C-alpha atoms as a PDB file:
ATOM      1  CA  UNK A   1     -78.537  26.523  30.670  1.00  0.00           C
ATOM      2  CA  UNK A   2     -75.146  26.316  31.103  1.00  0.00           C
ATOM      3  CA  UNK A   3     -72.659  25.476  28.215  1.00  0.00           C
ATOM      4  CA  UNK A   4     -69.761  23.394  29.288  1.00  0.00           C
ATOM      5  CA  UNK A   5     -66.845  23.857  26.466  1.00  0.00           C
ATOM      6  CA  UNK A   6     -62.970  23.229  26.876  1.00  0.00           C
ATOM      7  CA  UNK A   7     -62.514  27.149  27.824  1.00  0.00           C
ATOM      8  CA  UNK A   8     -65.107  26.905  30.669  1.00  0.00           C
ATOM      9  CA  UNK A   9     -63.924  23.831  32.372  1.00  0.00           C
ATOM     10  CA  UNK A  10     -59.945  25.117  32.037  1.00  0.00           C
ATOM     11  CA  UNK A  11     -61.439  28.627  33.750  1.00  0.00           C
ATOM     12  CA  UNK A  12     -63.463  26.598  36.246  1.00  0.00           C
ATOM     13  CA  UNK A  13     -60.618  24.138  37.221  1.00  0.00           C
ATOM     14  CA  UNK A  14     -58.244  27.183  37.426  1.00  0.00           C
ATOM     15  CA  UNK A  15     -60.733  29.267  39.640  1.00  0.00           C
ATOM     16  CA  UNK A  16     -60.916  26.228  41.657  1.00  0.00           C
ATOM     17  CA  UNK A  17     -57.620  24.591  42.086  1.00  0.00           C
ATOM     18  CA  UNK A  18     -56.343  26.886  45.146  1.00  0.00           C
ATOM     19  CA  UNK A  19     -59.379  26.844  46.953  1.00  0.00           C
ATOM     20  CA  UNK A  20     -60.097  24.634  49.793  1.00  0.00           C
ATOM     21  CA  UNK A  21     -61.621  20.874  49.475  1.00  0.00           C
ATOM     22  CA  UNK A  22     -64.850  20.925  51.795  1.00  0.00           C
ATOM     23  CA  UNK A  23     -64.880  18.068  54.319  1.00  0.00           C
ATOM     24  CA  UNK A  24     -60.587  18.252  54.580  1.00  0.00           C
ATOM     25  CA  UNK A  25     -58.037  20.734  55.674  1.00  0.00           C
ATOM     26  CA  UNK A  26     -56.006  20.479  52.637  1.00  0.00           C
ATOM     27  CA  UNK A  27     -55.963  22.553  49.459  1.00  0.00           C
ATOM     28  CA  UNK A  28     -56.168  21.677  45.743  1.00  0.00           C
ATOM     29  CA  UNK A  29     -51.905  22.357  45.521  1.00  0.00           C
ATOM     30  CA  UNK A  30     -49.239  20.467  46.518  1.00  0.00           C
ATOM     31  CA  UNK A  31     -48.243  20.782  50.124  1.00  0.00           C
ATOM     32  CA  UNK A  32     -44.707  22.437  50.661  1.00  0.00           C
ATOM     33  CA  UNK A  33     -43.753  19.676  53.156  1.00  0.00           C
ATOM     34  CA  UNK A  34     -45.205  16.053  53.112  1.00  0.00           C
ATOM     35  CA  UNK A  35     -44.962  14.058  56.702  1.00  0.00           C
ATOM     36  CA  UNK A  36     -45.756  10.531  56.112  1.00  0.00           C
ATOM     37  CA  UNK A  37     -46.784   8.337  59.461  1.00  0.00           C
ATOM     38  CA  UNK A  38     -47.224   5.334  60.083  1.00  0.00           C
ATOM     39  CA  UNK A  39     -49.123   2.618  62.547  1.00  0.00           C
ATOM     40  CA  UNK A  40     -50.403  -1.342  62.789  1.00  0.00           C
ATOM     41  CA  UNK A  41     -54.180  -0.395  63.303  1.00  0.00           C
ATOM     42  CA  UNK A  42     -56.901  -0.510  61.362  1.00  0.00           C
ATOM     43  CA  UNK A  43     -58.554   2.813  60.440  1.00  0.00           C
ATOM     44  CA  UNK A  44     -61.388   1.818  62.742  1.00  0.00           C
ATOM     45  CA  UNK A  45     -59.346   2.097  65.827  1.00  0.00           C
ATOM     46  CA  UNK A  46     -59.639   5.278  67.919  1.00  0.00           C
ATOM     47  CA  UNK A  47     -55.753   6.182  67.447  1.00  0.00           C
ATOM     48  CA  UNK A  48     -56.455   6.340  63.692  1.00  0.00           C
ATOM     49  CA  UNK A  49     -59.557   8.453  63.703  1.00  0.00           C
ATOM     50  CA  UNK A  50     -57.838  11.164  66.219  1.00  0.00           C
ATOM     51  CA  UNK A  51     -54.395  10.970  63.933  1.00  0.00           C
ATOM     52  CA  UNK A  52     -56.663  12.015  61.229  1.00  0.00           C
ATOM     53  CA  UNK A  53     -58.291  14.752  63.039  1.00  0.00           C
ATOM     54  CA  UNK A  54     -55.029  15.645  63.924  1.00  0.00           C
ATOM     55  CA  UNK A  55     -53.273  15.532  60.460  1.00  0.00           C
ATOM     56  CA  UNK A  56     -56.515  17.581  59.662  1.00  0.00           C
ATOM     57  CA  UNK A  57     -55.975  20.250  62.012  1.00  0.00           C
ATOM     58  CA  UNK A  58     -52.464  21.044  60.812  1.00  0.00           C
ATOM     59  CA  UNK A  59     -53.217  21.484  57.409  1.00  0.00           C
ATOM     60  CA  UNK A  60     -56.030  23.764  58.284  1.00  0.00           C
ATOM     61  CA  UNK A  61     -53.410  25.854  60.678  1.00  0.00           C
ATOM     62  CA  UNK A  62     -50.748  25.443  58.279  1.00  0.00           C
ATOM     63  CA  UNK A  63     -53.209  26.774  55.673  1.00  0.00           C
ATOM     64  CA  UNK A  64     -51.849  23.503  53.265  1.00  0.00           C
ATOM     65  CA  UNK A  65     -48.182  23.665  53.789  1.00  0.00           C
ATOM     66  CA  UNK A  66     -48.415  20.947  55.766  1.00  0.00           C
ATOM     67  CA  UNK A  67     -49.595  17.508  54.899  1.00  0.00           C
ATOM     68  CA  UNK A  68     -49.658  14.298  57.094  1.00  0.00           C
ATOM     69  CA  UNK A  69     -50.344  11.215  55.469  1.00  0.00           C
ATOM     70  CA  UNK A  70     -51.448   8.204  57.594  1.00  0.00           C
ATOM     71  CA  UNK A  71     -50.973   4.922  56.489  1.00  0.00           C
ATOM     72  CA  UNK A  72     -52.335   2.703  58.678  1.00  0.00           C
ATOM     73  CA  UNK A  73     -52.944  -1.319  58.994  1.00  0.00           C
ATOM     74  CA  UNK A  74     -49.287  -2.441  58.581  1.00  0.00           C
ATOM     75  CA  UNK A  75     -49.318  -0.641  55.317  1.00  0.00           C
ATOM     76  CA  UNK A  76     -45.539   0.071  55.549  1.00  0.00           C
ATOM     77  CA  UNK A  77     -44.673  -3.393  57.082  1.00  0.00           C
ATOM     78  CA  UNK A  78     -44.590  -4.853  60.588  1.00  0.00           C
ATOM     79  CA  UNK A  79     -43.428  -2.570  63.953  1.00  0.00           C
ATOM     80  CA  UNK A  80     -39.762  -3.858  63.707  1.00  0.00           C
ATOM     81  CA  UNK A  81     -39.607  -2.501  59.935  1.00  0.00           C
ATOM     82  CA  UNK A  82     -41.459   0.636  60.722  1.00  0.00           C
ATOM     83  CA  UNK A  83     -39.180   1.165  63.382  1.00  0.00           C
ATOM     84  CA  UNK A  84     -36.548   1.063  61.229  1.00  0.00           C
ATOM     85  CA  UNK A  85     -38.167   3.366  58.824  1.00  0.00           C
ATOM     86  CA  UNK A  86     -38.671   6.187  61.408  1.00  0.00           C
ATOM     87  CA  UNK A  87     -34.901   5.631  62.342  1.00  0.00           C
ATOM     88  CA  UNK A  88     -33.809   6.368  59.366  1.00  0.00           C
ATOM     89  CA  UNK A  89     -36.148   8.547  57.367  1.00  0.00           C
ATOM     90  CA  UNK A  90     -38.128   6.483  55.392  1.00  0.00           C
ATOM     91  CA  UNK A  91     -41.534   7.616  57.101  1.00  0.00           C
ATOM     92  CA  UNK A  92     -41.604  10.889  59.543  1.00  0.00           C
ATOM     93  CA  UNK A  93     -43.497   9.350  62.291  1.00  0.00           C
ATOM     94  CA  UNK A  94     -44.625   6.176  64.093  1.00  0.00           C
ATOM     95  CA  UNK A  95     -46.729   5.018  67.088  1.00  0.00           C
ATOM     96  CA  UNK A  96     -45.090   1.900  68.278  1.00  0.00           C
ATOM     97  CA  UNK A  97     -46.204   0.474  71.809  1.00  0.00           C
ATOM     98  CA  UNK A  98     -43.667   1.026  74.512  1.00  0.00           C
ATOM     99  CA  UNK A  99     -42.576  -2.739  74.345  1.00  0.00           C
ATOM    100  CA  UNK A 100     -41.576  -2.048  70.351  1.00  0.00           C
ATOM    101  CA  UNK A 101     -39.558   1.108  70.952  1.00  0.00           C
ATOM    102  CA  UNK A 102     -38.046  -1.054  74.296  1.00  0.00           C
ATOM    103  CA  UNK A 103     -36.189  -3.231  71.717  1.00  0.00           C
ATOM    104  CA  UNK A 104     -34.034  -0.041  70.964  1.00  0.00           C
ATOM    105  CA  UNK A 105     -34.618   2.069  74.382  1.00  0.00           C
ATOM    106  CA  UNK A 106     -34.675  -0.331  76.803  1.00  0.00           C
ATOM    107  CA  UNK A 107     -35.890   1.949  79.442  1.00  0.00           C
ATOM    108  CA  UNK A 108     -39.223   2.006  77.254  1.00  0.00           C
ATOM    109  CA  UNK A 109     -40.718  -0.542  78.524  1.00  0.00           C
ATOM    110  CA  UNK A 110     -40.901   0.042  82.161  1.00  0.00           C
ATOM    111  CA  UNK A 111     -44.551   1.145  82.196  1.00  0.00           C
ATOM    112  CA  UNK A 112     -45.097  -2.635  81.187  1.00  0.00           C
ATOM    113  CA  UNK A 113     -43.419  -4.230  84.195  1.00  0.00           C
ATOM    114  CA  UNK A 114     -46.186  -6.800  85.140  1.00  0.00           C
ATOM    115  CA  UNK A 115     -49.111  -5.643  87.628  1.00  0.00           C
ATOM    116  CA  UNK A 116     -47.639  -2.541  87.993  1.00  0.00           C
ATOM    117  CA  UNK A 117     -50.321  -0.265  87.591  1.00  0.00           C
ATOM    118  CA  UNK A 118     -54.072  -1.111  89.179  1.00  0.00           C
ATOM    119  CA  UNK A 119     -55.892   1.793  87.322  1.00  0.00           C
ATOM    120  CA  UNK A 120     -55.424   4.544  84.923  1.00  0.00           C
ATOM    121  CA  UNK A 121     -55.205   7.249  87.695  1.00  0.00           C
ATOM    122  CA  UNK A 122     -51.824   5.366  88.637  1.00  0.00           C
ATOM    123  CA  UNK A 123     -50.699   5.138  84.786  1.00  0.00           C
ATOM    124  CA  UNK A 124     -51.010   8.963  83.617  1.00  0.00           C
ATOM    125  CA  UNK A 125     -49.157   9.913  87.190  1.00  0.00           C
ATOM    126  CA  UNK A 126     -46.520   7.927  85.802  1.00  0.00           C
ATOM    127  CA  UNK A 127     -46.703   8.743  82.192  1.00  0.00           C
ATOM    128  CA  UNK A 128     -47.306  12.425  82.051  1.00  0.00           C
ATOM    129  CA  UNK A 129     -44.872  13.196  85.166  1.00  0.00           C
ATOM    130  CA  UNK A 130     -41.590  11.832  85.746  1.00  0.00           C
ATOM    131  CA  UNK A 131     -41.728   7.981  84.238  1.00  0.00           C
ATOM    132  CA  UNK A 132     -42.691   9.663  80.992  1.00  0.00           C
ATOM    133  CA  UNK A 133     -40.245  12.474  80.969  1.00  0.00           C
ATOM    134  CA  UNK A 134     -37.019   9.808  81.832  1.00  0.00           C
ATOM    135  CA  UNK A 135     -38.329   7.649  78.757  1.00  0.00           C
ATOM    136  CA  UNK A 136     -38.494  10.664  76.548  1.00  0.00           C
ATOM    137  CA  UNK A 137     -35.024  11.616  77.386  1.00  0.00           C
ATOM    138  CA  UNK A 138     -33.981   8.205  76.524  1.00  0.00           C
ATOM    139  CA  UNK A 139     -35.901   7.955  73.078  1.00  0.00           C
ATOM    140  CA  UNK A 140     -33.859  11.443  72.157  1.00  0.00           C
ATOM    141  CA  UNK A 141     -30.478   9.543  72.625  1.00  0.00           C
ATOM    142  CA  UNK A 142     -31.062   7.330  69.801  1.00  0.00           C
ATOM    143  CA  UNK A 143     -32.152  10.569  67.524  1.00  0.00           C
ATOM    144  CA  UNK A 144     -36.068  10.071  67.683  1.00  0.00           C
ATOM    145  CA  UNK A 145     -38.084  12.575  69.140  1.00  0.00           C
ATOM    146  CA  UNK A 146     -41.463  11.331  71.421  1.00  0.00           C
ATOM    147  CA  UNK A 147     -44.180  13.638  71.895  1.00  0.00           C
ATOM    148  CA  UNK A 148     -44.909  14.795  75.569  1.00  0.00           C
ATOM    149  CA  UNK A 149     -48.290  13.221  75.568  1.00  0.00           C
ATOM    150  CA  UNK A 150     -48.441   9.519  75.505  1.00  0.00           C
ATOM    151  CA  UNK A 151     -51.341   7.473  73.214  1.00  0.00           C
ATOM    152  CA  UNK A 152     -53.318   4.848  75.025  1.00  0.00           C
ATOM    153  CA  UNK A 153     -53.290   0.951  74.424  1.00  0.00           C
ATOM    154  CA  UNK A 154     -54.614  -0.024  76.930  1.00  0.00           C
ATOM    155  CA  UNK A 155     -54.649  -2.929  79.730  1.00  0.00           C
ATOM    156  CA  UNK A 156     -53.617  -5.946  78.432  1.00  0.00           C
ATOM    157  CA  UNK A 157     -55.488  -9.004  78.765  1.00  0.00           C
ATOM    158  CA  UNK A 158     -54.765 -12.913  77.772  1.00  0.00           C
ATOM    159  CA  UNK A 159     -57.046 -15.004  75.474  1.00  0.00           C
ATOM    160  CA  UNK A 160     -56.937 -18.340  75.014  1.00  0.00           C
ATOM    161  CA  UNK A 161     -58.200 -21.424  72.841  1.00  0.00           C
ATOM    162  CA  UNK A 162     -58.111 -23.777  75.420  1.00  0.00           C
ATOM    163  CA  UNK A 163     -59.021 -23.798  78.992  1.00  0.00           C
ATOM    164  CA  UNK A 164     -59.351 -20.493  80.841  1.00  0.00           C
ATOM    165  CA  UNK A 165     -56.712 -18.486  82.765  1.00  0.00           C
ATOM    166  CA  UNK A 166     -57.479 -17.807  86.510  1.00  0.00           C
ATOM    167  CA  UNK A 167     -54.438 -17.879  88.657  1.00  0.00           C
ATOM    168  CA  UNK A 168     -50.697 -18.124  87.960  1.00  0.00           C
ATOM    169  CA  UNK A 169     -50.456 -22.142  88.081  1.00  0.00           C
ATOM    170  CA  UNK A 170     -52.882 -21.881  84.974  1.00  0.00           C
ATOM    171  CA  UNK A 171     -49.947 -20.375  82.534  1.00  0.00           C
ATOM    172  CA  UNK A 172     -47.316 -23.559  82.706  1.00  0.00           C
ATOM    173  CA  UNK A 173     -46.509 -24.539  79.657  1.00  0.00           C
ATOM    174  CA  UNK A 174     -48.963 -22.170  77.650  1.00  0.00           C
ATOM    175  CA  UNK A 175     -47.946 -21.396  74.465  1.00  0.00           C
ATOM    176  CA  UNK A 176     -48.554 -17.579  74.444  1.00  0.00           C
ATOM    177  CA  UNK A 177     -47.611 -14.737  71.344  1.00  0.00           C
ATOM    178  CA  UNK A 178     -45.932 -11.848  73.139  1.00  0.00           C
ATOM    179  CA  UNK A 179     -44.469  -8.677  71.257  1.00  0.00           C
ATOM    180  CA  UNK A 180     -41.260  -8.517  70.327  1.00  0.00           C
ATOM    181  CA  UNK A 181     -40.297  -7.494  74.148  1.00  0.00           C
ATOM    182  CA  UNK A 182     -37.446  -8.799  76.234  1.00  0.00           C
ATOM    183  CA  UNK A 183     -39.513  -7.591  79.210  1.00  0.00           C
ATOM    184  CA  UNK A 184     -42.821  -9.558  78.258  1.00  0.00           C
ATOM    185  CA  UNK A 185     -40.781 -12.739  77.160  1.00  0.00           C
ATOM    186  CA  UNK A 186     -39.148 -12.903  80.575  1.00  0.00           C
ATOM    187  CA  UNK A 187     -42.257 -11.806  82.525  1.00  0.00           C
ATOM    188  CA  UNK A 188     -44.168 -14.970  81.119  1.00  0.00           C
ATOM    189  CA  UNK A 189     -41.104 -17.297  81.108  1.00  0.00           C
ATOM    190  CA  UNK A 190     -41.434 -15.834  85.354  1.00  0.00           C
ATOM    191  CA  UNK A 191     -44.826 -17.122  84.887  1.00  0.00           C
ATOM    192  CA  UNK A 192     -43.585 -20.683  83.346  1.00  0.00           C
ATOM    193  CA  UNK A 193     -45.270 -20.227  79.757  1.00  0.00           C
ATOM    194  CA  UNK A 194     -43.521 -20.719  76.569  1.00  0.00           C
ATOM    195  CA  UNK A 195     -43.846 -17.639  75.251  1.00  0.00           C
ATOM    196  CA  UNK A 196     -43.291 -16.848  71.348  1.00  0.00           C
ATOM    197  CA  UNK A 197     -42.712 -13.297  69.938  1.00  0.00           C
ATOM    198  CA  UNK A 198     -44.000 -12.808  66.779  1.00  0.00           C
ATOM    199  CA  UNK A 199     -45.098  -9.184  64.777  1.00  0.00           C
ATOM    200  CA  UNK A 200     -48.616  -8.054  65.035  1.00  0.00           C
ATOM    201  CA  UNK A 201     -49.600  -8.647  61.866  1.00  0.00           C
ATOM    202  CA  UNK A 202     -48.336 -12.450  62.499  1.00  0.00           C
ATOM    203  CA  UNK A 203     -50.837 -12.777  65.326  1.00  0.00           C
ATOM    204  CA  UNK A 204     -53.873 -13.473  63.717  1.00  0.00           C
ATOM    205  CA  UNK A 205     -52.568 -16.821  61.167  1.00  0.00           C
ATOM    206  CA  UNK A 206     -50.577 -17.859  64.195  1.00  0.00           C
ATOM    207  CA  UNK A 207     -53.511 -18.490  66.515  1.00  0.00           C
ATOM    208  CA  UNK A 208     -55.356 -19.793  63.496  1.00  0.00           C
ATOM    209  CA  UNK A 209     -52.807 -22.090  62.594  1.00  0.00           C
ATOM    210  CA  UNK A 210     -51.788 -23.066  66.377  1.00  0.00           C
ATOM    211  CA  UNK A 211     -48.612 -22.224  66.025  1.00  0.00           C
ATOM    212  CA  UNK A 212     -49.680 -20.488  69.553  1.00  0.00           C
ATOM    213  CA  UNK A 213     -52.889 -21.375  71.521  1.00  0.00           C
ATOM    214  CA  UNK A 214     -52.690 -17.742  73.407  1.00  0.00           C
ATOM    215  CA  UNK A 215     -52.256 -14.315  72.821  1.00  0.00           C
ATOM    216  CA  UNK A 216     -52.573 -11.056  74.823  1.00  0.00           C
ATOM    217  CA  UNK A 217     -53.328  -7.190  73.918  1.00  0.00           C
ATOM    218  CA  UNK A 218     -55.809  -4.690  75.120  1.00  0.00           C
ATOM    219  CA  UNK A 219     -59.505  -5.584  74.476  1.00  0.00           C
ATOM    220  CA  UNK A 220     -60.229  -3.071  71.621  1.00  0.00           C
ATOM    221  CA  UNK A 221     -57.049  -4.597  69.828  1.00  0.00           C
ATOM    222  CA  UNK A 222     -58.801  -7.991  70.242  1.00  0.00           C
ATOM    223  CA  UNK A 223     -61.767  -6.656  68.602  1.00  0.00           C
ATOM    224  CA  UNK A 224     -60.804  -4.455  65.929  1.00  0.00           C
ATOM    225  CA  UNK A 225     -57.744  -7.431  64.988  1.00  0.00           C
ATOM    226  CA  UNK A 226     -61.230  -9.804  65.616  1.00  0.00           C
ATOM    227  CA  UNK A 227     -59.137 -12.232  67.491  1.00  0.00           C
ATOM    228  CA  UNK A 228     -62.202 -13.673  68.938  1.00  0.00           C
ATOM    229  CA  UNK A 229     -62.351 -15.259  65.620  1.00  0.00           C
ATOM    230  CA  UNK A 230     -59.737 -17.664  66.805  1.00  0.00           C
ATOM    231  CA  UNK A 231     -59.970 -17.327  70.497  1.00  0.00           C
ATOM    232  CA  UNK A 232     -62.116 -19.090  73.026  1.00  0.00           C
ATOM    233  CA  UNK A 233     -61.667 -17.239  76.350  1.00  0.00           C
ATOM    234  CA  UNK A 234     -60.609 -14.026  77.875  1.00  0.00           C
ATOM    235  CA  UNK A 235     -58.661 -13.429  81.646  1.00  0.00           C
ATOM    236  CA  UNK A 236     -59.667 -10.113  82.623  1.00  0.00           C
ATOM    237  CA  UNK A 237     -55.581  -9.687  83.962  1.00  0.00           C
ATOM    238  CA  UNK A 238     -54.835  -6.645  83.204  1.00  0.00           C
ATOM    239  CA  UNK A 239     -51.275  -7.335  83.695  1.00  0.00           C
ATOM    240  CA  UNK A 240     -49.785  -4.931  81.704  1.00  0.00           C
ATOM    241  CA  UNK A 241     -50.727  -1.770  80.635  1.00  0.00           C
ATOM    242  CA  UNK A 242     -49.065  -0.329  77.324  1.00  0.00           C
ATOM    243  CA  UNK A 243     -49.202   2.859  75.444  1.00  0.00           C
ATOM    244  CA  UNK A 244     -48.016   4.047  72.331  1.00  0.00           C
ATOM    245  CA  UNK A 245     -45.322   6.592  72.004  1.00  0.00           C
ATOM    246  CA  UNK A 246     -45.990   9.248  68.910  1.00  0.00           C
ATOM    247  CA  UNK A 247     -42.442   9.605  67.669  1.00  0.00           C
ATOM    248  CA  UNK A 248     -40.724  11.321  64.892  1.00  0.00           C
ATOM    249  CA  UNK A 249     -37.702  10.771  63.269  1.00  0.00           C
ATOM    250  CA  UNK A 250     -34.942  13.399  64.937  1.00  0.00           C
ATOM    251  CA  UNK A 251     -33.260  14.882  61.766  1.00  0.00           C
ATOM    252  CA  UNK A 252     -36.700  15.565  60.238  1.00  0.00           C
ATOM    253  CA  UNK A 253     -38.358  17.335  63.497  1.00  0.00           C
ATOM    254  CA  UNK A 254     -35.399  19.685  64.170  1.00  0.00           C
ATOM    255  CA  UNK A 255     -35.458  20.538  60.095  1.00  0.00           C
ATOM    256  CA  UNK A 256     -38.883  21.692  60.419  1.00  0.00           C
ATOM    257  CA  UNK A 257     -40.168  25.405  61.091  1.00  0.00           C
ATOM    258  CA  UNK A 258     -40.481  25.951  65.045  1.00  0.00           C
ATOM    259  CA  UNK A 259     -43.853  27.535  63.926  1.00  0.00           C
ATOM    260  CA  UNK A 260     -44.587  24.174  62.209  1.00  0.00           C
ATOM    261  CA  UNK A 261     -43.056  22.124  65.318  1.00  0.00           C
ATOM    262  CA  UNK A 262     -45.472  24.038  67.353  1.00  0.00           C
ATOM    263  CA  UNK A 263     -48.586  23.315  65.593  1.00  0.00           C
ATOM    264  CA  UNK A 264     -47.999  19.880  64.770  1.00  0.00           C
ATOM    265  CA  UNK A 265     -46.860  19.042  68.223  1.00  0.00           C
ATOM    266  CA  UNK A 266     -50.621  21.324  69.572  1.00  0.00           C
ATOM    267  CA  UNK A 267     -52.405  18.765  67.162  1.00  0.00           C
ATOM    268  CA  UNK A 268     -50.595  15.592  68.044  1.00  0.00           C
ATOM    269  CA  UNK A 269     -50.796  15.685  71.839  1.00  0.00           C
ATOM    270  CA  UNK A 270     -54.320  17.065  72.379  1.00  0.00           C
ATOM    271  CA  UNK A 271     -55.406  13.949  69.740  1.00  0.00           C
ATOM    272  CA  UNK A 272     -53.491  11.812  71.569  1.00  0.00           C
ATOM    273  CA  UNK A 273     -55.362  13.053  75.241  1.00  0.00           C
ATOM    274  CA  UNK A 274     -58.488  12.654  73.239  1.00  0.00           C
ATOM    275  CA  UNK A 275     -57.652   9.158  72.339  1.00  0.00           C
ATOM    276  CA  UNK A 276     -56.833   8.152  75.969  1.00  0.00           C
ATOM    277  CA  UNK A 277     -61.009   8.994  76.694  1.00  0.00           C
ATOM    278  CA  UNK A 278     -61.720   7.502  73.778  1.00  0.00           C
ATOM    279  CA  UNK A 279     -59.902   4.098  74.701  1.00  0.00           C
ATOM    280  CA  UNK A 280     -61.496   4.341  78.215  1.00  0.00           C
ATOM    281  CA  UNK A 281     -65.229   4.489  76.854  1.00  0.00           C
ATOM    282  CA  UNK A 282     -64.525   2.088  74.405  1.00  0.00           C
ATOM    283  CA  UNK A 283     -63.205  -0.396  77.081  1.00  0.00           C
ATOM    284  CA  UNK A 284     -66.174  -0.006  78.889  1.00  0.00           C
ATOM    285  CA  UNK A 285     -68.759  -1.389  75.722  1.00  0.00           C
ATOM    286  CA  UNK A 286     -65.862  -3.512  74.302  1.00  0.00           C
ATOM    287  CA  UNK A 287     -66.080  -6.617  76.661  1.00  0.00           C
ATOM    288  CA  UNK A 288     -70.404  -6.949  75.885  1.00  0.00           C
ATOM    289  CA  UNK A 289     -69.553  -6.794  72.463  1.00  0.00           C
ATOM    290  CA  UNK A 290     -67.025  -9.050  72.441  1.00  0.00           C
ATOM    291  CA  UNK A 291     -68.919 -11.798  74.579  1.00  0.00           C
ATOM    292  CA  UNK A 292     -72.088 -11.422  71.675  1.00  0.00           C
ATOM    293  CA  UNK A 293     -69.250 -12.274  69.303  1.00  0.00           C
ATOM    294  CA  UNK A 294     -68.518 -15.745  71.279  1.00  0.00           C
ATOM    295  CA  UNK A 295     -65.638 -14.832  73.651  1.00  0.00           C
ATOM    296  CA  UNK A 296     -66.319 -15.920  77.153  1.00  0.00           C
ATOM    297  CA  UNK A 297     -64.634 -13.871  79.607  1.00  0.00           C
ATOM    298  CA  UNK A 298     -63.454 -14.889  83.504  1.00  0.00           C
ATOM    299  CA  UNK A 299     -61.797 -12.965  86.426  1.00  0.00           C
ATOM    300  CA  UNK A 300     -58.553 -13.787  87.629  1.00  0.00           C
ATOM    301  CA  UNK A 301     -56.331 -13.707  90.814  1.00  0.00           C
ATOM    302  CA  UNK A 302     -53.841 -11.144  90.318  1.00  0.00           C
ATOM    303  CA  UNK A 303     -52.630 -11.632  93.818  1.00  0.00           C
ATOM    304  CA  UNK A 304     -50.742 -15.148  92.663  1.00  0.00           C
ATOM    305  CA  UNK A 305     -49.287 -14.035  89.238  1.00  0.00           C
ATOM    306  CA  UNK A 306     -47.779 -11.171  91.390  1.00  0.00           C
ATOM    307  CA  UNK A 307     -46.414 -13.564  94.306  1.00  0.00           C
ATOM    308  CA  UNK A 308     -44.717 -15.637  91.448  1.00  0.00           C
ATOM    309  CA  UNK A 309     -43.200 -12.842  89.750  1.00  0.00           C
ATOM    310  CA  UNK A 310     -41.296 -12.023  93.115  1.00  0.00           C
ATOM    311  CA  UNK A 311     -40.889 -15.444  93.800  1.00  0.00           C
ATOM    312  CA  UNK A 312     -39.495 -16.111  90.628  1.00  0.00           C
ATOM    313  CA  UNK A 313     -36.980 -12.837  90.935  1.00  0.00           C
ATOM    314  CA  UNK A 314     -38.692 -11.294  88.201  1.00  0.00           C
ATOM    315  CA  UNK A 315     -39.096  -7.523  89.993  1.00  0.00           C
ATOM    316  CA  UNK A 316     -35.822  -7.751  91.375  1.00  0.00           C
ATOM    317  CA  UNK A 317     -34.228  -8.527  87.762  1.00  0.00           C
ATOM    318  CA  UNK A 318     -35.643  -5.606  86.349  1.00  0.00           C
ATOM    319  CA  UNK A 319     -35.773  -3.412  88.548  1.00  0.00           C
ATOM    320  CA  UNK A 320     -31.725  -3.707  88.282  1.00  0.00           C
ATOM    321  CA  UNK A 321     -32.127  -3.284  84.452  1.00  0.00           C
ATOM    322  CA  UNK A 322     -33.854  -0.158  84.291  1.00  0.00           C
ATOM    323  CA  UNK A 323     -31.513   1.394  87.205  1.00  0.00           C
ATOM    324  CA  UNK A 324     -32.172   2.806  90.486  1.00  0.00           C
ATOM    325  CA  UNK A 325     -33.426   6.054  88.951  1.00  0.00           C
ATOM    326  CA  UNK A 326     -36.177   4.873  86.691  1.00  0.00           C
ATOM    327  CA  UNK A 327     -37.545   2.271  89.207  1.00  0.00           C
ATOM    328  CA  UNK A 328     -37.784   5.103  91.697  1.00  0.00           C
ATOM    329  CA  UNK A 329     -39.889   7.306  89.585  1.00  0.00           C
ATOM    330  CA  UNK A 330     -41.851   4.246  88.798  1.00  0.00           C
ATOM    331  CA  UNK A 331     -42.451   3.352  92.482  1.00  0.00           C
ATOM    332  CA  UNK A 332     -43.120   6.576  93.157  1.00  0.00           C
ATOM    333  CA  UNK A 333     -45.910   6.593  91.076  1.00  0.00           C
ATOM    334  CA  UNK A 334     -47.315   3.045  91.961  1.00  0.00           C
ATOM    335  CA  UNK A 335     -45.780   2.061  94.862  1.00  0.00           C
ATOM    336  CA  UNK A 336     -43.423  -0.471  96.019  1.00  0.00           C
ATOM    337  CA  UNK A 337     -43.513  -3.796  93.619  1.00  0.00           C
ATOM    338  CA  UNK A 338     -40.157  -5.318  94.339  1.00  0.00           C
END
């Protein structure tokens, strides 16, 4: 029988303190470099699952020199707060929706032009190609670093607590929550709706208290945020594709040793590609799950929405705002819009 004395306990602790912790890549001693990552999604979302895998990989490949600490679910504040924090160095990483970072880098919203993408082939052709490169260059100019691979936030759908949305005419006067994004506000105003910009952290309560009657988000977000509890119907509109830019504070990123940069970038980009596959698979099952929870689904007439946006001058206005180069890159991937 082993007898545990103060001496044997201390000797055992000393012997194990430098060993890896089973099931995680971090070793017991403190990491030399600690990188804080904040986001607005629950731990159950594929973004956080894959981000944790990336963090574990970084820890393993750096032999514990680097620790990425993840703060999910708005623990560090809303989107606007975290965008400010990543700019001033309070946090190292943040994954804003393109619509959120566009408040700082306007051209980042170009992927959110209404009804621009018909499928994922067009999305990744644009965002892994010329459109994505153009946006990353613009992000760099505000002293942020954007990783090469964009993460998927999915095609956005509209839900409402009232009557279903089927055509553009159903948008008239609808009080709908939209992200803090000039493009989203402009699009829904062009559809004659009454958009209200609210932080994502406020969406559930705003719907519950009837501050707004409707909202729009990808299906996995509707699921994990339990918005089905305060909404009745979902219009499958695919009106916007949105993604997450995985960004870093520019000064902090440039301050990392080159070997660490390589390991971190590889882990995060690979995790982003894997997360895209997760969202694709999730979308195949999430509608059935939401229907079982009482959310009714209906199809929409996308041509009626496009016609309304053309008629209102929405496409023409944003072609001018984004500029000929960016708009040309977008149309090169998706075809003529304006």
